[in-house]
């Protein structure tokens, strides 16, 4: 009877330890979820283009932007830089007409600019930023030198975002 209880206890302990280890592998935390509780989806803390959560948090606090994404569009002839405004006062610099944006390829130092089309104007948004809205600008990539996976830096006035990965 004692042996059966010990065996049952070790199986329960082994199962709980295995679940805790699996939970730790999935979330990076050491505590298993409460039994019977439904796990809430993890909040989106940063975009894929930003390399670390610490970097994403810096841009959120210092410049009032998050969800920073750099991706190829128009078959690679344009590189779109987009972001969501979380603090409109801090993000005003990004939408100023006088601030010239550059996208620099970190591997070869090539700096791309926003094209200025005759009938359309610059391919960027310059309206005053509002919280919760997404804004974008598109850089000309004529030679298609910037590929998916390239590391780039975006420079707009005093803002410098290093190490962004092109999707």
N, C-alpha and C. Protein backbone atom coordinates (compact mmCIF):
# COMPACT_ATOMS: atom_id res chain seq x y z
N UNK A 1 0.84 -1.18 0.00
CA UNK A 1 0.00 0.00 0.00
C UNK A 1 0.89 1.25 0.00
N UNK A 2 1.91 1.25 0.83
CA UNK A 2 2.85 2.36 0.89
C UNK A 2 3.59 2.50 -0.44
N UNK A 3 3.96 1.37 -1.01
CA UNK A 3 4.66 1.37 -2.30
C UNK A 3 3.76 1.93 -3.40
N UNK A 4 2.47 1.56 -3.41
CA UNK A 4 1.53 2.06 -4.42
C UNK A 4 1.36 3.57 -4.28
N UNK A 5 1.25 4.07 -3.06
CA UNK A 5 1.11 5.51 -2.82
C UNK A 5 2.36 6.26 -3.26
N UNK A 6 3.54 5.70 -2.95
CA UNK A 6 4.80 6.32 -3.35
C UNK A 6 4.92 6.36 -4.87
N UNK A 7 4.54 5.27 -5.52
CA UNK A 7 4.59 5.20 -6.98
C UNK A 7 3.62 6.22 -7.61
N UNK A 8 2.40 6.30 -7.11
CA UNK A 8 1.41 7.27 -7.62
C UNK A 8 1.89 8.70 -7.39
N UNK A 9 2.48 8.95 -6.24
CA UNK A 9 3.00 10.29 -5.93
C UNK A 9 4.14 10.67 -6.85
N UNK A 10 5.02 9.72 -7.15
CA UNK A 10 6.15 10.04 -8.02
C UNK A 10 5.69 10.28 -9.46
N UNK A 11 4.64 9.57 -9.90
CA UNK A 11 4.12 9.80 -11.25
C UNK A 11 3.51 11.19 -11.35
N UNK A 12 2.73 11.59 -10.34
CA UNK A 12 2.12 12.92 -10.33
C UNK A 12 3.19 14.00 -10.30
N UNK A 13 4.23 13.79 -9.46
CA UNK A 13 5.31 14.76 -9.36
C UNK A 13 6.07 14.85 -10.68
N UNK A 14 6.33 13.70 -11.30
CA UNK A 14 7.05 13.67 -12.57
C UNK A 14 6.24 14.38 -13.65
N UNK A 15 4.93 14.15 -13.69
CA UNK A 15 4.07 14.81 -14.67
C UNK A 15 4.06 16.32 -14.46
N UNK A 16 3.96 16.76 -13.21
CA UNK A 16 3.94 18.19 -12.90
C UNK A 16 5.29 18.82 -13.25
N UNK A 17 6.38 18.13 -12.97
CA UNK A 17 7.71 18.65 -13.27
C UNK A 17 7.91 18.76 -14.78
N UNK A 18 7.41 17.78 -15.52
CA UNK A 18 7.52 17.82 -16.98
C UNK A 18 6.72 18.98 -17.54
N UNK A 19 5.49 19.19 -17.03
CA UNK A 19 4.68 20.31 -17.50
C UNK A 19 5.34 21.64 -17.16
N UNK A 20 5.93 21.73 -15.98
CA UNK A 20 6.60 22.97 -15.59
C UNK A 20 7.80 23.23 -16.50
N UNK A 21 8.54 22.18 -16.84
CA UNK A 21 9.70 22.35 -17.73
C UNK A 21 9.25 22.77 -19.12
N UNK A 22 8.15 22.17 -19.60
CA UNK A 22 7.65 22.55 -20.92
C UNK A 22 7.18 23.99 -20.90
N UNK A 23 6.52 24.41 -19.84
CA UNK A 23 6.05 25.79 -19.71
C UNK A 23 7.24 26.74 -19.70
N UNK A 24 8.30 26.35 -19.01
CA UNK A 24 9.49 27.19 -18.95
C UNK A 24 10.11 27.33 -20.33
N UNK A 25 10.15 26.24 -21.10
CA UNK A 25 10.72 26.29 -22.44
C UNK A 25 9.91 27.22 -23.35
N UNK A 26 8.59 27.19 -23.22
CA UNK A 26 7.73 27.99 -24.10
C UNK A 26 7.73 29.47 -23.74
N UNK A 27 7.74 29.79 -22.46
CA UNK A 27 7.58 31.18 -22.06
C UNK A 27 8.82 31.82 -21.49
N UNK A 28 9.81 31.02 -21.11
CA UNK A 28 11.00 31.59 -20.49
C UNK A 28 10.80 31.86 -19.01
N UNK A 29 9.65 31.53 -18.46
CA UNK A 29 9.36 31.72 -17.05
C UNK A 29 9.46 30.38 -16.36
N UNK A 30 9.67 30.40 -15.03
CA UNK A 30 9.84 29.15 -14.32
C UNK A 30 8.56 28.66 -13.64
N UNK A 31 7.51 29.45 -13.65
CA UNK A 31 6.29 29.07 -12.96
C UNK A 31 5.28 28.51 -13.95
N UNK A 32 4.69 27.33 -13.64
CA UNK A 32 3.68 26.77 -14.53
C UNK A 32 2.37 27.55 -14.39
N UNK A 33 1.50 27.47 -15.40
CA UNK A 33 0.23 28.19 -15.30
C UNK A 33 -0.65 27.57 -14.23
N UNK A 34 -1.51 28.37 -13.65
CA UNK A 34 -2.44 27.86 -12.65
C UNK A 34 -3.36 26.85 -13.31
N UNK A 35 -3.63 25.74 -12.60
CA UNK A 35 -4.47 24.70 -13.19
C UNK A 35 -5.87 25.25 -13.41
N UNK A 36 -6.45 24.93 -14.55
CA UNK A 36 -7.79 25.38 -14.87
C UNK A 36 -7.83 26.79 -15.45
N UNK A 37 -6.71 27.52 -15.42
CA UNK A 37 -6.70 28.88 -15.96
C UNK A 37 -6.41 28.84 -17.45
N UNK A 38 -7.05 29.71 -18.16
CA UNK A 38 -6.82 29.81 -19.59
C UNK A 38 -5.68 30.79 -19.82
N UNK A 39 -4.67 30.37 -20.56
CA UNK A 39 -3.52 31.23 -20.81
C UNK A 39 -3.91 32.32 -21.79
N UNK A 40 -3.64 33.57 -21.42
CA UNK A 40 -3.93 34.71 -22.30
C UNK A 40 -2.81 34.83 -23.32
N UNK A 41 -3.10 35.28 -24.52
CA UNK A 41 -2.04 35.44 -25.51
C UNK A 41 -1.04 36.50 -25.05
N UNK A 42 0.21 36.28 -25.35
CA UNK A 42 1.26 37.22 -24.95
C UNK A 42 1.07 38.52 -25.71
N UNK A 43 1.26 39.66 -25.03
CA UNK A 43 1.11 40.93 -25.73
C UNK A 43 2.22 41.10 -26.75
N UNK A 44 1.92 41.78 -27.85
CA UNK A 44 2.92 42.03 -28.88
C UNK A 44 3.80 43.17 -28.38
N UNK A 45 5.05 42.84 -28.07
CA UNK A 45 5.94 43.82 -27.48
C UNK A 45 6.82 44.53 -28.50
N UNK A 46 6.94 44.01 -29.67
CA UNK A 46 7.77 44.66 -30.66
C UNK A 46 7.60 44.02 -32.01
N UNK A 47 8.05 44.70 -33.01
CA UNK A 47 7.91 44.18 -34.36
C UNK A 47 9.10 43.31 -34.71
N UNK A 48 8.97 42.60 -35.81
CA UNK A 48 10.01 41.70 -36.24
C UNK A 48 11.27 42.43 -36.68
N UNK A 49 11.18 43.66 -37.16
CA UNK A 49 12.34 44.38 -37.65
C UNK A 49 13.28 44.81 -36.55
N UNK A 50 12.77 45.01 -35.34
CA UNK A 50 13.58 45.42 -34.21
C UNK A 50 14.20 44.18 -33.58
N UNK A 51 15.51 44.21 -33.33
CA UNK A 51 16.22 43.02 -32.89
C UNK A 51 15.96 42.61 -31.45
N UNK A 52 15.66 43.55 -30.55
CA UNK A 52 15.47 43.18 -29.15
C UNK A 52 14.31 43.95 -28.52
N UNK A 53 13.78 43.38 -27.47
CA UNK A 53 12.69 44.05 -26.73
C UNK A 53 13.21 45.31 -26.06
N UNK A 54 14.45 45.30 -25.64
CA UNK A 54 15.04 46.48 -25.00
C UNK A 54 15.10 47.64 -26.00
N UNK A 55 15.50 47.34 -27.23
CA UNK A 55 15.54 48.34 -28.28
C UNK A 55 14.14 48.87 -28.57
N UNK A 56 13.16 47.98 -28.67
CA UNK A 56 11.78 48.39 -28.94
C UNK A 56 11.26 49.28 -27.81
N UNK A 57 11.57 48.95 -26.58
CA UNK A 57 11.12 49.75 -25.43
C UNK A 57 11.76 51.14 -25.45
N UNK A 58 13.03 51.22 -25.85
CA UNK A 58 13.71 52.52 -25.94
C UNK A 58 12.99 53.43 -26.94
N UNK A 59 12.69 52.92 -28.12
CA UNK A 59 12.02 53.74 -29.14
C UNK A 59 10.61 54.10 -28.70
N UNK A 60 9.95 53.25 -27.96
CA UNK A 60 8.62 53.53 -27.46
C UNK A 60 8.67 54.69 -26.45
N UNK A 61 9.65 54.65 -25.55
CA UNK A 61 9.73 55.69 -24.52
C UNK A 61 10.35 56.99 -25.01
N UNK A 62 11.40 56.90 -25.82
CA UNK A 62 12.13 58.09 -26.24
C UNK A 62 11.46 58.81 -27.41
N UNK A 63 10.97 58.06 -28.40
CA UNK A 63 10.44 58.66 -29.62
C UNK A 63 8.94 58.48 -29.79
N UNK A 64 8.29 57.73 -28.89
CA UNK A 64 6.84 57.58 -28.94
C UNK A 64 6.34 56.70 -30.06
N UNK A 65 7.15 55.74 -30.52
CA UNK A 65 6.73 54.85 -31.60
C UNK A 65 6.99 53.40 -31.22
N UNK A 66 6.19 52.50 -31.80
CA UNK A 66 6.45 51.07 -31.65
C UNK A 66 5.98 50.37 -32.92
N UNK A 67 6.01 49.05 -32.90
CA UNK A 67 5.67 48.24 -34.07
C UNK A 67 6.43 48.73 -35.31
N UNK A 68 7.73 48.87 -35.15
CA UNK A 68 8.61 49.34 -36.21
C UNK A 68 8.87 48.19 -37.18
N UNK A 69 8.57 48.43 -38.46
CA UNK A 69 8.73 47.38 -39.47
C UNK A 69 9.40 47.97 -40.71
N UNK A 70 10.36 47.22 -41.25
CA UNK A 70 10.99 47.58 -42.52
C UNK A 70 10.80 46.39 -43.44
N UNK A 71 10.15 46.62 -44.60
CA UNK A 71 9.91 45.51 -45.52
C UNK A 71 10.03 45.97 -46.97
N UNK A 72 10.37 45.01 -47.80
CA UNK A 72 10.45 45.27 -49.25
C UNK A 72 9.05 45.29 -49.83
N UNK A 73 8.79 46.24 -50.74
CA UNK A 73 7.51 46.29 -51.44
C UNK A 73 7.78 46.56 -52.91
N UNK A 74 6.76 46.48 -53.73
CA UNK A 74 6.86 46.75 -55.17
C UNK A 74 7.99 45.93 -55.78
N UNK A 75 7.98 44.63 -55.52
CA UNK A 75 8.98 43.69 -56.04
C UNK A 75 10.41 44.07 -55.65
N UNK A 76 10.56 44.72 -54.52
CA UNK A 76 11.88 45.07 -54.02
C UNK A 76 12.40 46.42 -54.47
N UNK A 77 11.66 47.14 -55.29
CA UNK A 77 12.13 48.44 -55.75
C UNK A 77 11.86 49.55 -54.73
N UNK A 78 11.05 49.27 -53.73
CA UNK A 78 10.82 50.20 -52.62
C UNK A 78 11.03 49.48 -51.30
N UNK A 79 11.52 50.22 -50.31
CA UNK A 79 11.64 49.71 -48.95
C UNK A 79 10.72 50.57 -48.10
N UNK A 80 9.74 49.93 -47.48
CA UNK A 80 8.75 50.64 -46.67
C UNK A 80 9.14 50.57 -45.20
N UNK A 81 9.24 51.72 -44.58
CA UNK A 81 9.48 51.85 -43.14
C UNK A 81 8.18 52.29 -42.52
N UNK A 82 7.64 51.50 -41.59
CA UNK A 82 6.38 51.87 -40.95
C UNK A 82 6.50 51.76 -39.44
N UNK A 83 5.66 52.49 -38.75
CA UNK A 83 5.67 52.52 -37.29
C UNK A 83 4.30 52.96 -36.81
N UNK A 84 4.01 52.63 -35.55
CA UNK A 84 2.76 53.04 -34.93
C UNK A 84 3.09 54.06 -33.85
N UNK A 85 2.34 55.14 -33.79
CA UNK A 85 2.58 56.21 -32.82
C UNK A 85 1.86 55.88 -31.52
N UNK A 86 2.61 55.93 -30.42
CA UNK A 86 2.02 55.74 -29.09
C UNK A 86 2.05 57.04 -28.28
N UNK A 87 2.91 57.99 -28.66
CA UNK A 87 2.97 59.30 -28.02
C UNK A 87 3.18 60.34 -29.12
N UNK A 88 2.11 61.00 -29.50
CA UNK A 88 2.15 61.93 -30.63
C UNK A 88 3.13 63.09 -30.41
N UNK A 89 3.26 63.57 -29.19
CA UNK A 89 4.18 64.68 -28.92
C UNK A 89 5.63 64.29 -29.21
N UNK A 90 6.01 63.10 -28.79
CA UNK A 90 7.38 62.64 -29.01
C UNK A 90 7.64 62.26 -30.47
N UNK A 91 6.62 61.84 -31.18
CA UNK A 91 6.78 61.35 -32.55
C UNK A 91 6.68 62.44 -33.61
N UNK A 92 6.54 63.70 -33.22
CA UNK A 92 6.36 64.78 -34.20
C UNK A 92 7.52 64.91 -35.16
N UNK A 93 8.74 64.67 -34.71
CA UNK A 93 9.91 64.82 -35.57
C UNK A 93 9.83 63.93 -36.81
N UNK A 94 9.26 62.74 -36.68
CA UNK A 94 9.22 61.80 -37.78
C UNK A 94 8.36 62.27 -38.95
N UNK A 95 7.39 63.13 -38.69
CA UNK A 95 6.48 63.57 -39.74
C UNK A 95 6.76 64.99 -40.24
N UNK A 96 7.83 65.61 -39.79
CA UNK A 96 8.15 66.96 -40.25
C UNK A 96 8.66 66.91 -41.69
N UNK A 97 8.16 67.84 -42.51
CA UNK A 97 8.58 67.90 -43.91
C UNK A 97 10.06 68.24 -44.05
N UNK A 98 10.58 69.06 -43.15
CA UNK A 98 11.97 69.52 -43.26
C UNK A 98 12.98 68.46 -42.82
N UNK A 99 12.54 67.46 -42.08
CA UNK A 99 13.46 66.40 -41.64
C UNK A 99 13.61 65.40 -42.79
N UNK A 100 14.81 65.32 -43.36
CA UNK A 100 15.05 64.42 -44.49
C UNK A 100 15.37 63.02 -43.98
N UNK A 101 14.55 62.04 -44.31
CA UNK A 101 14.82 60.67 -43.87
C UNK A 101 15.80 59.95 -44.80
N UNK A 102 16.61 59.10 -44.21
CA UNK A 102 17.53 58.24 -44.96
C UNK A 102 17.39 56.82 -44.43
N UNK A 103 17.57 55.86 -45.31
CA UNK A 103 17.65 54.46 -44.93
C UNK A 103 19.02 53.98 -45.41
N UNK A 104 19.88 53.57 -44.47
CA UNK A 104 21.26 53.23 -44.78
C UNK A 104 21.47 51.73 -44.65
N UNK A 105 22.01 51.12 -45.70
CA UNK A 105 22.38 49.70 -45.66
C UNK A 105 23.64 49.59 -44.82
N UNK A 106 23.59 48.84 -43.72
CA UNK A 106 24.72 48.75 -42.80
C UNK A 106 25.90 47.99 -43.39
N UNK A 107 25.65 47.14 -44.37
CA UNK A 107 26.74 46.35 -44.95
C UNK A 107 27.62 47.19 -45.88
N UNK A 108 27.01 47.99 -46.75
CA UNK A 108 27.83 48.73 -47.72
C UNK A 108 27.73 50.25 -47.58
N UNK A 109 26.95 50.75 -46.63
CA UNK A 109 26.86 52.19 -46.38
C UNK A 109 26.01 52.96 -47.38
N UNK A 110 25.32 52.27 -48.27
CA UNK A 110 24.47 52.91 -49.26
C UNK A 110 23.27 53.57 -48.56
N UNK A 111 23.06 54.87 -48.84
CA UNK A 111 21.95 55.61 -48.22
C UNK A 111 20.84 55.81 -49.25
N UNK A 112 19.64 55.35 -48.92
CA UNK A 112 18.48 55.52 -49.78
C UNK A 112 17.67 56.71 -49.31
N UNK A 113 17.02 57.39 -50.27
CA UNK A 113 16.17 58.52 -49.95
C UNK A 113 14.76 58.25 -50.42
N UNK A 114 13.84 59.08 -49.97
CA UNK A 114 12.44 58.97 -50.38
C UNK A 114 12.29 59.64 -51.74
N UNK A 115 11.74 58.93 -52.73
CA UNK A 115 11.57 59.56 -54.04
C UNK A 115 10.51 60.66 -53.99
N UNK A 116 10.70 61.67 -54.83
CA UNK A 116 9.76 62.78 -54.92
C UNK A 116 9.14 62.73 -56.32
N UNK A 117 7.92 62.23 -56.40
CA UNK A 117 7.25 62.05 -57.68
C UNK A 117 6.51 63.33 -58.06
N UNK A 118 6.46 63.63 -59.35
CA UNK A 118 5.86 64.86 -59.84
C UNK A 118 4.43 65.06 -59.38
N UNK A 119 3.59 64.10 -59.64
CA UNK A 119 2.17 64.27 -59.36
C UNK A 119 1.77 63.87 -57.94
N UNK A 120 2.60 63.06 -57.29
CA UNK A 120 2.26 62.54 -55.97
C UNK A 120 3.00 63.26 -54.85
N UNK A 121 4.23 63.66 -55.11
CA UNK A 121 5.08 64.24 -54.07
C UNK A 121 5.92 63.16 -53.43
N UNK A 122 6.37 63.40 -52.21
CA UNK A 122 7.18 62.41 -51.50
C UNK A 122 6.33 61.23 -51.06
N UNK A 123 6.93 60.05 -51.10
CA UNK A 123 6.23 58.84 -50.65
C UNK A 123 6.38 58.69 -49.14
N UNK A 124 5.73 59.58 -48.42
CA UNK A 124 5.74 59.54 -46.95
C UNK A 124 4.57 60.33 -46.42
N UNK A 125 4.22 60.07 -45.19
CA UNK A 125 3.15 60.80 -44.55
C UNK A 125 3.75 61.93 -43.72
N UNK A 126 3.19 63.12 -43.86
CA UNK A 126 3.69 64.27 -43.12
C UNK A 126 2.60 64.94 -42.30
N UNK A 127 1.44 64.31 -42.17
CA UNK A 127 0.38 64.88 -41.33
C UNK A 127 0.79 64.77 -39.87
N UNK A 128 0.25 65.65 -39.02
CA UNK A 128 0.59 65.58 -37.60
C UNK A 128 0.25 64.20 -37.03
N UNK A 129 1.17 63.61 -36.26
CA UNK A 129 0.93 62.27 -35.74
C UNK A 129 -0.20 62.24 -34.71
N UNK A 130 -0.92 61.12 -34.70
CA UNK A 130 -1.98 60.89 -33.72
C UNK A 130 -1.75 59.53 -33.09
N UNK A 131 -2.01 59.44 -31.81
CA UNK A 131 -1.81 58.19 -31.08
C UNK A 131 -2.62 57.05 -31.68
N UNK A 132 -1.98 55.88 -31.77
CA UNK A 132 -2.64 54.68 -32.24
C UNK A 132 -2.67 54.51 -33.74
N UNK A 133 -2.19 55.47 -34.51
CA UNK A 133 -2.21 55.37 -35.96
C UNK A 133 -0.86 54.92 -36.49
N UNK A 134 -0.91 54.21 -37.61
CA UNK A 134 0.32 53.75 -38.25
C UNK A 134 0.72 54.74 -39.35
N UNK A 135 2.01 55.02 -39.43
CA UNK A 135 2.56 55.92 -40.43
C UNK A 135 3.65 55.18 -41.19
N UNK A 136 3.96 55.65 -42.39
CA UNK A 136 4.94 54.97 -43.23
C UNK A 136 5.67 55.96 -44.11
N UNK A 137 6.76 55.50 -44.65
CA UNK A 137 7.51 56.20 -45.69
C UNK A 137 8.19 55.14 -46.54
N UNK A 138 8.35 55.42 -47.83
CA UNK A 138 8.92 54.44 -48.75
C UNK A 138 10.20 55.00 -49.36
N UNK A 139 11.27 54.22 -49.30
CA UNK A 139 12.57 54.60 -49.83
C UNK A 139 12.80 53.90 -51.16
N UNK A 140 13.41 54.62 -52.10
CA UNK A 140 13.70 54.06 -53.42
C UNK A 140 14.87 53.08 -53.32
N UNK A 141 14.68 51.88 -53.85
CA UNK A 141 15.70 50.84 -53.85
C UNK A 141 15.93 50.42 -55.31
N UNK A 142 16.31 51.39 -56.15
CA UNK A 142 16.41 51.17 -57.60
C UNK A 142 17.26 49.98 -57.97
N UNK A 143 18.43 49.87 -57.42
CA UNK A 143 19.32 48.77 -57.77
C UNK A 143 19.00 47.49 -57.02
N UNK A 144 17.97 47.53 -56.19
CA UNK A 144 17.56 46.39 -55.36
C UNK A 144 18.74 45.84 -54.54
N UNK A 145 19.56 46.77 -54.05
CA UNK A 145 20.74 46.36 -53.27
C UNK A 145 20.35 45.89 -51.87
N UNK A 146 19.22 46.38 -51.37
CA UNK A 146 18.77 45.94 -50.05
C UNK A 146 17.81 44.78 -50.24
N UNK A 147 18.16 43.67 -49.65
CA UNK A 147 17.40 42.43 -49.81
C UNK A 147 16.72 42.07 -48.48
N UNK A 148 15.88 41.07 -48.52
CA UNK A 148 15.26 40.54 -47.31
C UNK A 148 16.38 40.02 -46.40
N UNK A 149 16.34 40.40 -45.14
CA UNK A 149 17.36 39.98 -44.18
C UNK A 149 18.49 40.98 -44.01
N UNK A 150 18.54 42.01 -44.86
CA UNK A 150 19.57 43.05 -44.73
C UNK A 150 19.36 43.83 -43.44
N UNK A 151 20.45 44.30 -42.86
CA UNK A 151 20.38 45.15 -41.67
C UNK A 151 20.52 46.59 -42.13
N UNK A 152 19.58 47.43 -41.69
CA UNK A 152 19.55 48.83 -42.11
C UNK A 152 19.41 49.75 -40.90
N UNK A 153 19.75 51.02 -41.13
CA UNK A 153 19.58 52.08 -40.15
C UNK A 153 18.68 53.13 -40.76
N UNK A 154 17.70 53.60 -40.00
CA UNK A 154 16.82 54.68 -40.43
C UNK A 154 17.22 55.93 -39.67
N UNK A 155 17.44 57.02 -40.42
CA UNK A 155 17.83 58.30 -39.83
C UNK A 155 16.81 59.35 -40.25
N UNK A 156 16.21 59.99 -39.25
CA UNK A 156 15.26 61.09 -39.50
C UNK A 156 15.59 62.16 -38.47
N UNK A 157 16.24 63.23 -38.90
CA UNK A 157 16.64 64.28 -37.96
C UNK A 157 17.53 63.68 -36.88
N UNK A 158 17.14 63.85 -35.61
CA UNK A 158 17.91 63.31 -34.49
C UNK A 158 17.62 61.84 -34.19
N UNK A 159 16.62 61.27 -34.82
CA UNK A 159 16.28 59.87 -34.61
C UNK A 159 17.19 58.98 -35.45
N UNK A 160 17.75 57.97 -34.82
CA UNK A 160 18.61 57.01 -35.52
C UNK A 160 18.22 55.63 -34.99
N UNK A 161 17.65 54.80 -35.86
CA UNK A 161 17.25 53.46 -35.47
C UNK A 161 18.20 52.47 -36.15
N UNK A 162 19.09 51.90 -35.36
CA UNK A 162 20.11 50.98 -35.88
C UNK A 162 19.63 49.54 -35.86
N UNK A 163 20.19 48.75 -36.74
CA UNK A 163 20.02 47.29 -36.69
C UNK A 163 18.65 46.76 -37.05
N UNK A 164 17.89 47.48 -37.85
CA UNK A 164 16.59 46.97 -38.28
C UNK A 164 16.80 45.90 -39.35
N UNK A 165 16.00 44.85 -39.29
CA UNK A 165 16.12 43.76 -40.25
C UNK A 165 14.97 43.88 -41.25
N UNK A 166 15.32 43.87 -42.53
CA UNK A 166 14.33 44.00 -43.60
C UNK A 166 13.58 42.68 -43.74
N UNK A 167 12.25 42.75 -43.75
CA UNK A 167 11.42 41.55 -43.92
C UNK A 167 11.27 41.23 -45.38
